[in-house]
Amino acid sequence: MTTFDDRERAFETAFARDDEMQFRVVARRNRLLGEWAATLMRLTPEETDAYAKAVIQAEFEESGDEDVIRKLLGDLTSAGVEMDEGRVREAMNEQAIAARRQLMEAQ
């Protein structure tokens, strides 16, 4: 193996690790968002857990955060919670920070 091969392998490993961490941050963020919305909708603990899982699953409907925002906004509005897209995006940013912090502390 040459030094170039070693560097290439190191970069590939770092990229894979960063990609996995980003996936975990988004999944944790979505769980936290689901819990946040469930609290606003006054769901039971069992309903909260199921709802948080549904928000995580919403991430896979299309690329990006728009599907999650659409789900949260629709569900909150349907539940009679006064909400707008700006507040959902703000909560999303806050929960992303919390998710990253939680995952870094766990390592």
PDB file of N, CA and C in Angstrom:
ATOM      1  N   MET A   1       0.837  -1.187   0.000  1.00  0.00           N
ATOM      2  CA  MET A   1       0.000   0.000   0.000  1.00  0.00           C
ATOM      3  C   MET A   1       0.879   1.247   0.000  1.00  0.00           C
ATOM      4  N   THR A   2       0.433   2.205  -0.736  1.00  0.00           N
ATOM      5  CA  THR A   2       1.146   3.475  -0.782  1.00  0.00           C
ATOM      6  C   THR A   2       0.492   4.456   0.184  1.00  0.00           C
ATOM      7  N   THR A   3       1.163   5.524   0.423  1.00  0.00           N
ATOM      8  CA  THR A   3       0.621   6.575   1.279  1.00  0.00           C
ATOM      9  C   THR A   3      -0.661   7.138   0.681  1.00  0.00           C
ATOM     10  N   PHE A   4      -0.689   7.242  -0.644  1.00  0.00           N
ATOM     11  CA  PHE A   4      -1.886   7.736  -1.313  1.00  0.00           C
ATOM     12  C   PHE A   4      -3.074   6.818  -1.046  1.00  0.00           C
ATOM     13  N   ASP A   5      -2.871   5.510  -1.128  1.00  0.00           N
ATOM     14  CA  ASP A   5      -3.944   4.545  -0.854  1.00  0.00           C
ATOM     15  C   ASP A   5      -4.436   4.667   0.584  1.00  0.00           C
ATOM     16  N   ASP A   6      -3.494   4.847   1.503  1.00  0.00           N
ATOM     17  CA  ASP A   6      -3.863   4.997   2.914  1.00  0.00           C
ATOM     18  C   ASP A   6      -4.689   6.260   3.124  1.00  0.00           C
ATOM     19  N   ARG A   7      -4.280   7.342   2.485  1.00  0.00           N
ATOM     20  CA  ARG A   7      -5.034   8.596   2.620  1.00  0.00           C
ATOM     21  C   ARG A   7      -6.420   8.466   2.018  1.00  0.00           C
ATOM     22  N   GLU A   8      -6.501   7.807   0.859  1.00  0.00           N
ATOM     23  CA  GLU A   8      -7.794   7.624   0.210  1.00  0.00           C
ATOM     24  C   GLU A   8      -8.730   6.809   1.104  1.00  0.00           C
ATOM     25  N   ARG A   9      -8.217   5.753   1.696  1.00  0.00           N
ATOM     26  CA  ARG A   9      -9.021   4.918   2.593  1.00  0.00           C
ATOM     27  C   ARG A   9      -9.457   5.721   3.827  1.00  0.00           C
ATOM     28  N   ALA A  10      -8.564   6.561   4.347  1.00  0.00           N
ATOM     29  CA  ALA A  10      -8.904   7.391   5.507  1.00  0.00           C
ATOM     30  C   ALA A  10     -10.019   8.374   5.166  1.00  0.00           C
ATOM     31  N   PHE A  11      -9.946   8.989   3.982  1.00  0.00           N
ATOM     32  CA  PHE A  11     -10.997   9.916   3.566  1.00  0.00           C
ATOM     33  C   PHE A  11     -12.330   9.196   3.379  1.00  0.00           C
ATOM     34  N   GLU A  12     -12.300   8.023   2.788  1.00  0.00           N
ATOM     35  CA  GLU A  12     -13.524   7.246   2.600  1.00  0.00           C
ATOM     36  C   GLU A  12     -14.143   6.861   3.935  1.00  0.00           C
ATOM     37  N   THR A  13     -13.308   6.472   4.881  1.00  0.00           N
ATOM     38  CA  THR A  13     -13.793   6.108   6.211  1.00  0.00           C
ATOM     39  C   THR A  13     -14.406   7.318   6.908  1.00  0.00           C
ATOM     40  N   ALA A  14     -13.737   8.457   6.816  1.00  0.00           N
ATOM     41  CA  ALA A  14     -14.254   9.679   7.439  1.00  0.00           C
ATOM     42  C   ALA A  14     -15.575  10.092   6.808  1.00  0.00           C
ATOM     43  N   PHE A  15     -15.674   9.984   5.484  1.00  0.00           N
ATOM     44  CA  PHE A  15     -16.913  10.340   4.792  1.00  0.00           C
ATOM     45  C   PHE A  15     -18.051   9.435   5.242  1.00  0.00           C
ATOM     46  N   ALA A  16     -17.796   8.144   5.319  1.00  0.00           N
ATOM     47  CA  ALA A  16     -18.824   7.190   5.748  1.00  0.00           C
ATOM     48  C   ALA A  16     -19.251   7.466   7.187  1.00  0.00           C
ATOM     49  N   ARG A  17     -18.309   7.774   8.043  1.00  0.00           N
ATOM     50  CA  ARG A  17     -18.618   8.075   9.443  1.00  0.00           C
ATOM     51  C   ARG A  17     -19.454   9.357   9.550  1.00  0.00           C
ATOM     52  N   ASP A  18     -19.082  10.390   8.790  1.00  0.00           N
ATOM     53  CA  ASP A  18     -19.835  11.647   8.801  1.00  0.00           C
ATOM     54  C   ASP A  18     -21.240  11.457   8.259  1.00  0.00           C
ATOM     55  N   ASP A  19     -21.360  10.656   7.202  1.00  0.00           N
ATOM     56  CA  ASP A  19     -22.665  10.380   6.599  1.00  0.00           C
ATOM     57  C   ASP A  19     -23.567   9.633   7.588  1.00  0.00           C
ATOM     58  N   GLU A  20     -22.999   8.670   8.276  1.00  0.00           N
ATOM     59  CA  GLU A  20     -23.772   7.921   9.275  1.00  0.00           C
ATOM     60  C   GLU A  20     -24.199   8.835  10.422  1.00  0.00           C
ATOM     61  N   MET A  21     -23.295   9.694  10.866  1.00  0.00           N
ATOM     62  CA  MET A  21     -23.619  10.616  11.962  1.00  0.00           C
ATOM     63  C   MET A  21     -24.743  11.555  11.548  1.00  0.00           C
ATOM     64  N   GLN A  22     -24.704  12.061  10.320  1.00  0.00           N
ATOM     65  CA  GLN A  22     -25.764  12.951   9.851  1.00  0.00           C
ATOM     66  C   GLN A  22     -27.110  12.232   9.824  1.00  0.00           C
ATOM     67  N   PHE A  23     -27.117  10.980   9.373  1.00  0.00           N
ATOM     68  CA  PHE A  23     -28.337  10.181   9.361  1.00  0.00           C
ATOM     69  C   PHE A  23     -28.887  10.024  10.779  1.00  0.00           C
ATOM     70  N   ARG A  24     -28.005   9.742  11.723  1.00  0.00           N
ATOM     71  CA  ARG A  24     -28.426   9.562  13.114  1.00  0.00           C
ATOM     72  C   ARG A  24     -28.940  10.864  13.716  1.00  0.00           C
ATOM     73  N   VAL A  25     -28.310  11.987  13.385  1.00  0.00           N
ATOM     74  CA  VAL A  25     -28.756  13.296  13.884  1.00  0.00           C
ATOM     75  C   VAL A  25     -30.161  13.595  13.373  1.00  0.00           C
ATOM     76  N   VAL A  26     -30.398  13.353  12.083  1.00  0.00           N
ATOM     77  CA  VAL A  26     -31.712  13.638  11.506  1.00  0.00           C
ATOM     78  C   VAL A  26     -32.775  12.735  12.131  1.00  0.00           C
ATOM     79  N   ALA A  27     -32.463  11.462  12.316  1.00  0.00           N
ATOM     80  CA  ALA A  27     -33.433  10.554  12.935  1.00  0.00           C
ATOM     81  C   ALA A  27     -33.733  10.984  14.370  1.00  0.00           C
ATOM     82  N   ARG A  28     -32.710  11.336  15.135  1.00  0.00           N
ATOM     83  CA  ARG A  28     -32.914  11.787  16.516  1.00  0.00           C
ATOM     84  C   ARG A  28     -33.682  13.098  16.532  1.00  0.00           C
ATOM     85  N   ARG A  29     -33.328  14.010  15.626  1.00  0.00           N
ATOM     86  CA  ARG A  29     -34.049  15.283  15.532  1.00  0.00           C
ATOM     87  C   ARG A  29     -35.525  15.053  15.269  1.00  0.00           C
ATOM     88  N   ASN A  30     -35.830  14.151  14.357  1.00  0.00           N
ATOM     89  CA  ASN A  30     -37.220  13.882  14.029  1.00  0.00           C
ATOM     90  C   ASN A  30     -37.962  13.250  15.200  1.00  0.00           C
ATOM     91  N   ARG A  31     -37.286  12.402  15.962  1.00  0.00           N
ATOM     92  CA  ARG A  31     -37.917  11.831  17.166  1.00  0.00           C
ATOM     93  C   ARG A  31     -38.236  12.956  18.146  1.00  0.00           C
ATOM     94  N   LEU A  32     -37.272  13.839  18.366  1.00  0.00           N
ATOM     95  CA  LEU A  32     -37.486  14.962  19.291  1.00  0.00           C
ATOM     96  C   LEU A  32     -38.598  15.879  18.792  1.00  0.00           C
ATOM     97  N   LEU A  33     -38.648  16.100  17.486  1.00  0.00           N
ATOM     98  CA  LEU A  33     -39.739  16.905  16.910  1.00  0.00           C
ATOM     99  C   LEU A  33     -41.086  16.238  17.134  1.00  0.00           C
ATOM    100  N   GLY A  34     -41.133  14.932  16.956  1.00  0.00           N
ATOM    101  CA  GLY A  34     -42.372  14.196  17.199  1.00  0.00           C
ATOM    102  C   GLY A  34     -42.813  14.316  18.643  1.00  0.00           C
ATOM    103  N   GLU A  35     -41.863  14.236  19.559  1.00  0.00           N
ATOM    104  CA  GLU A  35     -42.186  14.379  20.983  1.00  0.00           C
ATOM    105  C   GLU A  35     -42.652  15.796  21.292  1.00  0.00           C
ATOM    106  N   TRP A  36     -42.013  16.786  20.677  1.00  0.00           N
ATOM    107  CA  TRP A  36     -42.411  18.183  20.860  1.00  0.00           C
ATOM    108  C   TRP A  36     -43.848  18.390  20.384  1.00  0.00           C
ATOM    109  N   ALA A  37     -44.145  17.907  19.182  1.00  0.00           N
ATOM    110  CA  ALA A  37     -45.494  18.069  18.627  1.00  0.00           C
ATOM    111  C   ALA A  37     -46.516  17.289  19.444  1.00  0.00           C
ATOM    112  N   ALA A  38     -46.150  16.100  19.895  1.00  0.00           N
ATOM    113  CA  ALA A  38     -47.059  15.282  20.694  1.00  0.00           C
ATOM    114  C   ALA A  38     -47.423  15.988  21.998  1.00  0.00           C
ATOM    115  N   THR A  39     -46.463  16.678  22.581  1.00  0.00           N
ATOM    116  CA  THR A  39     -46.737  17.442  23.799  1.00  0.00           C
ATOM    117  C   THR A  39     -47.755  18.549  23.514  1.00  0.00           C
ATOM    118  N   LEU A  40     -47.564  19.239  22.391  1.00  0.00           N
ATOM    119  CA  LEU A  40     -48.504  20.298  22.020  1.00  0.00           C
ATOM    120  C   LEU A  40     -49.901  19.744  21.747  1.00  0.00           C
ATOM    121  N   MET A  41     -49.955  18.519  21.212  1.00  0.00           N
ATOM    122  CA  MET A  41     -51.243  17.898  20.901  1.00  0.00           C
ATOM    123  C   MET A  41     -51.814  17.137  22.100  1.00  0.00           C
ATOM    124  N   ARG A  42     -51.069  17.138  23.198  1.00  0.00           N
ATOM    125  CA  ARG A  42     -51.474  16.473  24.445  1.00  0.00           C
ATOM    126  C   ARG A  42     -51.761  14.979  24.254  1.00  0.00           C
ATOM    127  N   LEU A  43     -50.810  14.310  23.583  1.00  0.00           N
ATOM    128  CA  LEU A  43     -50.946  12.874  23.378  1.00  0.00           C
ATOM    129  C   LEU A  43     -50.476  12.119  24.618  1.00  0.00           C
ATOM    130  N   THR A  44     -50.965  10.901  24.779  1.00  0.00           N
ATOM    131  CA  THR A  44     -50.537  10.044  25.887  1.00  0.00           C
ATOM    132  C   THR A  44     -49.102   9.577  25.617  1.00  0.00           C
ATOM    133  N   PRO A  45     -48.418   9.042  26.619  1.00  0.00           N
ATOM    134  CA  PRO A  45     -47.054   8.536  26.388  1.00  0.00           C
ATOM    135  C   PRO A  45     -46.989   7.483  25.273  1.00  0.00           C
ATOM    136  N   GLU A  46     -47.969   6.604  25.215  1.00  0.00           N
ATOM    137  CA  GLU A  46     -47.976   5.574  24.175  1.00  0.00           C
ATOM    138  C   GLU A  46     -48.192   6.210  22.796  1.00  0.00           C
ATOM    139  N   GLU A  47     -49.118   7.160  22.732  1.00  0.00           N
ATOM    140  CA  GLU A  47     -49.376   7.854  21.474  1.00  0.00           C
ATOM    141  C   GLU A  47     -48.164   8.681  21.057  1.00  0.00           C
ATOM    142  N   THR A  48     -47.481   9.265  22.040  1.00  0.00           N
ATOM    143  CA  THR A  48     -46.289  10.064  21.770  1.00  0.00           C
ATOM    144  C   THR A  48     -45.211   9.209  21.121  1.00  0.00           C
ATOM    145  N   ASP A  49     -44.993   8.019  21.653  1.00  0.00           N
ATOM    146  CA  ASP A  49     -43.977   7.128  21.092  1.00  0.00           C
ATOM    147  C   ASP A  49     -44.328   6.746  19.660  1.00  0.00           C
ATOM    148  N   ALA A  50     -45.571   6.391  19.430  1.00  0.00           N
ATOM    149  CA  ALA A  50     -46.011   6.022  18.080  1.00  0.00           C
ATOM    150  C   ALA A  50     -45.911   7.218  17.135  1.00  0.00           C
ATOM    151  N   TYR A  51     -46.266   8.390  17.604  1.00  0.00           N
ATOM    152  CA  TYR A  51     -46.214   9.580  16.760  1.00  0.00           C
ATOM    153  C   TYR A  51     -44.766   9.935  16.412  1.00  0.00           C
ATOM    154  N   ALA A  52     -43.873   9.843  17.386  1.00  0.00           N
ATOM    155  CA  ALA A  52     -42.461  10.134  17.128  1.00  0.00           C
ATOM    156  C   ALA A  52     -41.915   9.190  16.055  1.00  0.00           C
ATOM    157  N   LYS A  53     -42.296   7.932  16.106  1.00  0.00           N
ATOM    158  CA  LYS A  53     -41.868   6.970  15.084  1.00  0.00           C
ATOM    159  C   LYS A  53     -42.443   7.335  13.724  1.00  0.00           C
ATOM    160  N   ALA A  54     -43.669   7.827  13.699  1.00  0.00           N
ATOM    161  CA  ALA A  54     -44.290   8.237  12.434  1.00  0.00           C
ATOM    162  C   ALA A  54     -43.570   9.442  11.833  1.00  0.00           C
ATOM    163  N   VAL A  55     -43.097  10.353  12.678  1.00  0.00           N
ATOM    164  CA  VAL A  55     -42.357  11.516  12.183  1.00  0.00           C
ATOM    165  C   VAL A  55     -41.013  11.064  11.616  1.00  0.00           C
ATOM    166  N   ILE A  56     -40.363  10.125  12.283  1.00  0.00           N
ATOM    167  CA  ILE A  56     -39.104   9.580  11.759  1.00  0.00           C
ATOM    168  C   ILE A  56     -39.359   8.962  10.387  1.00  0.00           C
ATOM    169  N   GLN A  57     -40.427   8.212  10.259  1.00  0.00           N
ATOM    170  CA  GLN A  57     -40.755   7.548   8.999  1.00  0.00           C
ATOM    171  C   GLN A  57     -41.072   8.557   7.892  1.00  0.00           C
ATOM    172  N   ALA A  58     -41.640   9.692   8.264  1.00  0.00           N
ATOM    173  CA  ALA A  58     -41.993  10.716   7.269  1.00  0.00           C
ATOM    174  C   ALA A  58     -40.763  11.226   6.528  1.00  0.00           C
ATOM    175  N   GLU A  59     -39.607  11.159   7.155  1.00  0.00           N
ATOM    176  CA  GLU A  59     -38.362  11.611   6.535  1.00  0.00           C
ATOM    177  C   GLU A  59     -38.068  10.850   5.248  1.00  0.00           C
ATOM    178  N   PHE A  60     -38.544   9.628   5.147  1.00  0.00           N
ATOM    179  CA  PHE A  60     -38.209   8.774   4.009  1.00  0.00           C
ATOM    180  C   PHE A  60     -39.167   8.930   2.833  1.00  0.00           C
ATOM    181  N   GLU A  61     -40.184   9.786   2.963  1.00  0.00           N
ATOM    182  CA  GLU A  61     -41.144   9.972   1.879  1.00  0.00           C
ATOM    183  C   GLU A  61     -40.534  10.692   0.691  1.00  0.00           C
ATOM    184  N   GLU A  62     -39.698  11.694   0.953  1.00  0.00           N
ATOM    185  CA  GLU A  62     -39.011  12.413  -0.114  1.00  0.00           C
ATOM    186  C   GLU A  62     -37.743  13.016   0.456  1.00  0.00           C
ATOM    187  N   SER A  63     -36.862  13.414  -0.406  1.00  0.00           N
ATOM    188  CA  SER A  63     -35.590  13.975   0.018  1.00  0.00           C
ATOM    189  C   SER A  63     -35.811  15.347   0.666  1.00  0.00           C
ATOM    190  N   GLY A  64     -35.114  15.606   1.750  1.00  0.00           N
ATOM    191  CA  GLY A  64     -35.203  16.900   2.411  1.00  0.00           C
ATOM    192  C   GLY A  64     -36.173  16.895   3.580  1.00  0.00           C
ATOM    193  N   ASP A  65     -36.332  18.058   4.173  1.00  0.00           N
ATOM    194  CA  ASP A  65     -37.126  18.201   5.387  1.00  0.00           C
ATOM    195  C   ASP A  65     -38.590  18.553   5.124  1.00  0.00           C
ATOM    196  N   GLU A  66     -38.928  18.854   3.894  1.00  0.00           N
ATOM    197  CA  GLU A  66     -40.267  19.350   3.594  1.00  0.00           C
ATOM    198  C   GLU A  66     -41.367  18.367   3.964  1.00  0.00           C
ATOM    199  N   ASP A  67     -41.125  17.079   3.799  1.00  0.00           N
ATOM    200  CA  ASP A  67     -42.143  16.088   4.149  1.00  0.00           C
ATOM    201  C   ASP A  67     -42.401  16.063   5.645  1.00  0.00           C
ATOM    202  N   VAL A  68     -41.356  16.230   6.433  1.00  0.00           N
ATOM    203  CA  VAL A  68     -41.510  16.256   7.893  1.00  0.00           C
ATOM    204  C   VAL A  68     -42.254  17.518   8.318  1.00  0.00           C
ATOM    205  N   ILE A  69     -41.882  18.647   7.741  1.00  0.00           N
ATOM    206  CA  ILE A  69     -42.548  19.910   8.064  1.00  0.00           C
ATOM    207  C   ILE A  69     -44.031  19.831   7.705  1.00  0.00           C
ATOM    208  N   ARG A  70     -44.303  19.300   6.532  1.00  0.00           N
ATOM    209  CA  ARG A  70     -45.693  19.174   6.078  1.00  0.00           C
ATOM    210  C   ARG A  70     -46.496  18.283   7.034  1.00  0.00           C
ATOM    211  N   LYS A  71     -45.901  17.172   7.461  1.00  0.00           N
ATOM    212  CA  LYS A  71     -46.594  16.266   8.382  1.00  0.00           C
ATOM    213  C   LYS A  71     -46.869  16.959   9.716  1.00  0.00           C
ATOM    214  N   LEU A  72     -45.846  17.559  10.288  1.00  0.00           N
ATOM    215  CA  LEU A  72     -46.013  18.225  11.584  1.00  0.00           C
ATOM    216  C   LEU A  72     -47.047  19.340  11.510  1.00  0.00           C
ATOM    217  N   LEU A  73     -46.927  20.165  10.509  1.00  0.00           N
ATOM    218  CA  LEU A  73     -47.845  21.297  10.368  1.00  0.00           C
ATOM    219  C   LEU A  73     -49.282  20.814  10.182  1.00  0.00           C
ATOM    220  N   GLY A  74     -49.462  19.807   9.349  1.00  0.00           N
ATOM    221  CA  GLY A  74     -50.800  19.265   9.127  1.00  0.00           C
ATOM    222  C   GLY A  74     -51.386  18.624  10.372  1.00  0.00           C
ATOM    223  N   ASP A  75     -50.580  17.837  11.070  1.00  0.00           N
ATOM    224  CA  ASP A  75     -51.070  17.158  12.271  1.00  0.00           C
ATOM    225  C   ASP A  75     -51.372  18.144  13.398  1.00  0.00           C
ATOM    226  N   LEU A  76     -50.504  19.119  13.569  1.00  0.00           N
ATOM    227  CA  LEU A  76     -50.734  20.114  14.623  1.00  0.00           C
ATOM    228  C   LEU A  76     -51.989  20.938  14.328  1.00  0.00           C
ATOM    229  N   THR A  77     -52.144  21.345  13.089  1.00  0.00           N
ATOM    230  CA  THR A  77     -53.326  22.116  12.699  1.00  0.00           C
ATOM    231  C   THR A  77     -54.592  21.289  12.881  1.00  0.00           C
ATOM    232  N   SER A  78     -54.545  20.023  12.467  1.00  0.00           N
ATOM    233  CA  SER A  78     -55.704  19.127  12.616  1.00  0.00           C
ATOM    234  C   SER A  78     -56.078  18.927  14.081  1.00  0.00           C
ATOM    235  N   ALA A  79     -55.071  18.982  14.953  1.00  0.00           N
ATOM    236  CA  ALA A  79     -55.322  18.794  16.377  1.00  0.00           C
ATOM    237  C   ALA A  79     -55.770  20.079  17.063  1.00  0.00           C
ATOM    238  N   GLY A  80     -55.903  21.162  16.289  1.00  0.00           N
ATOM    239  CA  GLY A  80     -56.376  22.416  16.860  1.00  0.00           C
ATOM    240  C   GLY A  80     -55.290  23.258  17.495  1.00  0.00           C
ATOM    241  N   VAL A  81     -54.028  22.921  17.229  1.00  0.00           N
ATOM    242  CA  VAL A  81     -52.908  23.698  17.752  1.00  0.00           C
ATOM    243  C   VAL A  81     -52.584  24.777  16.733  1.00  0.00           C
ATOM    244  N   GLU A  82     -52.575  26.024  17.191  1.00  0.00           N
ATOM    245  CA  GLU A  82     -52.241  27.112  16.278  1.00  0.00           C
ATOM    246  C   GLU A  82     -50.749  27.068  15.990  1.00  0.00           C
ATOM    247  N   MET A  83     -50.427  26.881  14.718  1.00  0.00           N
ATOM    248  CA  MET A  83     -49.035  26.670  14.335  1.00  0.00           C
ATOM    249  C   MET A  83     -48.824  27.225  12.939  1.00  0.00           C
ATOM    250  N   ASP A  84     -47.590  27.680  12.684  1.00  0.00           N
ATOM    251  CA  ASP A  84     -47.229  28.097  11.331  1.00  0.00           C
ATOM    252  C   ASP A  84     -45.895  27.456  10.962  1.00  0.00           C
ATOM    253  N   GLU A  85     -45.584  27.539   9.690  1.00  0.00           N
ATOM    254  CA  GLU A  85     -44.380  26.873   9.189  1.00  0.00           C
ATOM    255  C   GLU A  85     -43.108  27.417   9.837  1.00  0.00           C
ATOM    256  N   GLY A  86     -43.073  28.699  10.103  1.00  0.00           N
ATOM    257  CA  GLY A  86     -41.905  29.309  10.732  1.00  0.00           C
ATOM    258  C   GLY A  86     -41.613  28.712  12.102  1.00  0.00           C
ATOM    259  N   ARG A  87     -42.654  28.495  12.890  1.00  0.00           N
ATOM    260  CA  ARG A  87     -42.460  27.891  14.224  1.00  0.00           C
ATOM    261  C   ARG A  87     -42.003  26.453  14.114  1.00  0.00           C
ATOM    262  N   VAL A  88     -42.511  25.727  13.129  1.00  0.00           N
ATOM    263  CA  VAL A  88     -42.080  24.342  12.940  1.00  0.00           C
ATOM    264  C   VAL A  88     -40.605  24.308  12.526  1.00  0.00           C
ATOM    265  N   ARG A  89     -40.210  25.188  11.622  1.00  0.00           N
ATOM    266  CA  ARG A  89     -38.805  25.244  11.199  1.00  0.00           C
ATOM    267  C   ARG A  89     -37.898  25.642  12.357  1.00  0.00           C
ATOM    268  N   GLU A  90     -38.348  26.563  13.175  1.00  0.00           N
ATOM    269  CA  GLU A  90     -37.568  26.975  14.348  1.00  0.00           C
ATOM    270  C   GLU A  90     -37.387  25.796  15.308  1.00  0.00           C
ATOM    271  N   ALA A  91     -38.468  25.064  15.548  1.00  0.00           N
ATOM    272  CA  ALA A  91     -38.389  23.879  16.402  1.00  0.00           C
ATOM    273  C   ALA A  91     -37.456  22.839  15.788  1.00  0.00           C
ATOM    274  N   MET A  92     -37.501  22.704  14.479  1.00  0.00           N
ATOM    275  CA  MET A  92     -36.635  21.747  13.789  1.00  0.00           C
ATOM    276  C   MET A  92     -35.164  22.100  14.006  1.00  0.00           C
ATOM    277  N   ASN A  93     -34.837  23.366  13.900  1.00  0.00           N
ATOM    278  CA  ASN A  93     -33.458  23.807  14.135  1.00  0.00           C
ATOM    279  C   ASN A  93     -33.035  23.568  15.578  1.00  0.00           C
ATOM    280  N   GLU A  94     -33.906  23.887  16.505  1.00  0.00           N
ATOM    281  CA  GLU A  94     -33.596  23.674  17.928  1.00  0.00           C
ATOM    282  C   GLU A  94     -33.394  22.191  18.235  1.00  0.00           C
ATOM    283  N   GLN A  95     -34.252  21.358  17.672  1.00  0.00           N
ATOM    284  CA  GLN A  95     -34.152  19.925  17.941  1.00  0.00           C
ATOM    285  C   GLN A  95     -32.933  19.312  17.244  1.00  0.00           C
ATOM    286  N   ALA A  96     -32.513  19.871  16.120  1.00  0.00           N
ATOM    287  CA  ALA A  96     -31.294  19.394  15.456  1.00  0.00           C
ATOM    288  C   ALA A  96     -30.082  19.638  16.342  1.00  0.00           C
ATOM    289  N   ILE A  97     -30.049  20.801  16.977  1.00  0.00           N
ATOM    290  CA  ILE A  97     -28.950  21.118  17.896  1.00  0.00           C
ATOM    291  C   ILE A  97     -28.978  20.163  19.077  1.00  0.00           C
ATOM    292  N   ALA A  98     -30.162  19.951  19.635  1.00  0.00           N
ATOM    293  CA  ALA A  98     -30.292  19.034  20.773  1.00  0.00           C
ATOM    294  C   ALA A  98     -29.899  17.615  20.376  1.00  0.00           C
ATOM    295  N   ALA A  99     -30.297  17.178  19.197  1.00  0.00           N
ATOM    296  CA  ALA A  99     -29.982  15.823  18.736  1.00  0.00           C
ATOM    297  C   ALA A  99     -28.482  15.645  18.582  1.00  0.00           C
ATOM    298  N   ARG A 100     -27.830  16.607  17.955  1.00  0.00           N
ATOM    299  CA  ARG A 100     -26.374  16.522  17.775  1.00  0.00           C
ATOM    300  C   ARG A 100     -25.673  16.484  19.132  1.00  0.00           C
ATOM    301  N   ARG A 101     -26.126  17.316  20.047  1.00  0.00           N
ATOM    302  CA  ARG A 101     -25.529  17.361  21.386  1.00  0.00           C
ATOM    303  C   ARG A 101     -25.703  16.007  22.088  1.00  0.00           C
ATOM    304  N   GLN A 102     -26.897  15.436  22.016  1.00  0.00           N
ATOM    305  CA  GLN A 102     -27.153  14.144  22.647  1.00  0.00           C
ATOM    306  C   GLN A 102     -26.268  13.051  22.077  1.00  0.00           C
ATOM    307  N   LEU A 103     -26.122  13.026  20.762  1.00  0.00           N
ATOM    308  CA  LEU A 103     -25.306  11.989  20.133  1.00  0.00           C
ATOM    309  C   LEU A 103     -23.823  12.177  20.437  1.00  0.00           C
ATOM    310  N   MET A 104     -23.379  13.409  20.509  1.00  0.00           N
ATOM    311  CA  MET A 104     -21.962  13.652  20.837  1.00  0.00           C
ATOM    312  C   MET A 104     -21.676  13.270  22.285  1.00  0.00           C
ATOM    313  N   GLU A 105     -22.610  13.544  23.179  1.00  0.00           N
ATOM    314  CA  GLU A 105     -22.433  13.175  24.585  1.00  0.00           C
ATOM    315  C   GLU A 105     -22.449  11.673  24.782  1.00  0.00           C
ATOM    316  N   ALA A 106     -23.179  10.969  23.932  1.00  0.00           N
ATOM    317  CA  ALA A 106     -23.284   9.512  24.051  1.00  0.00           C
ATOM    318  C   ALA A 106     -22.004   8.802  23.587  1.00  0.00           C
ATOM    319  N   GLN A 107     -21.193   9.489  22.814  1.00  0.00           N
ATOM    320  CA  GLN A 107     -19.967   8.849  22.293  1.00  0.00           C
ATOM    321  C   GLN A 107     -18.865   8.851  23.292  1.00  0.00           C
TER     322      GLN A 107
END
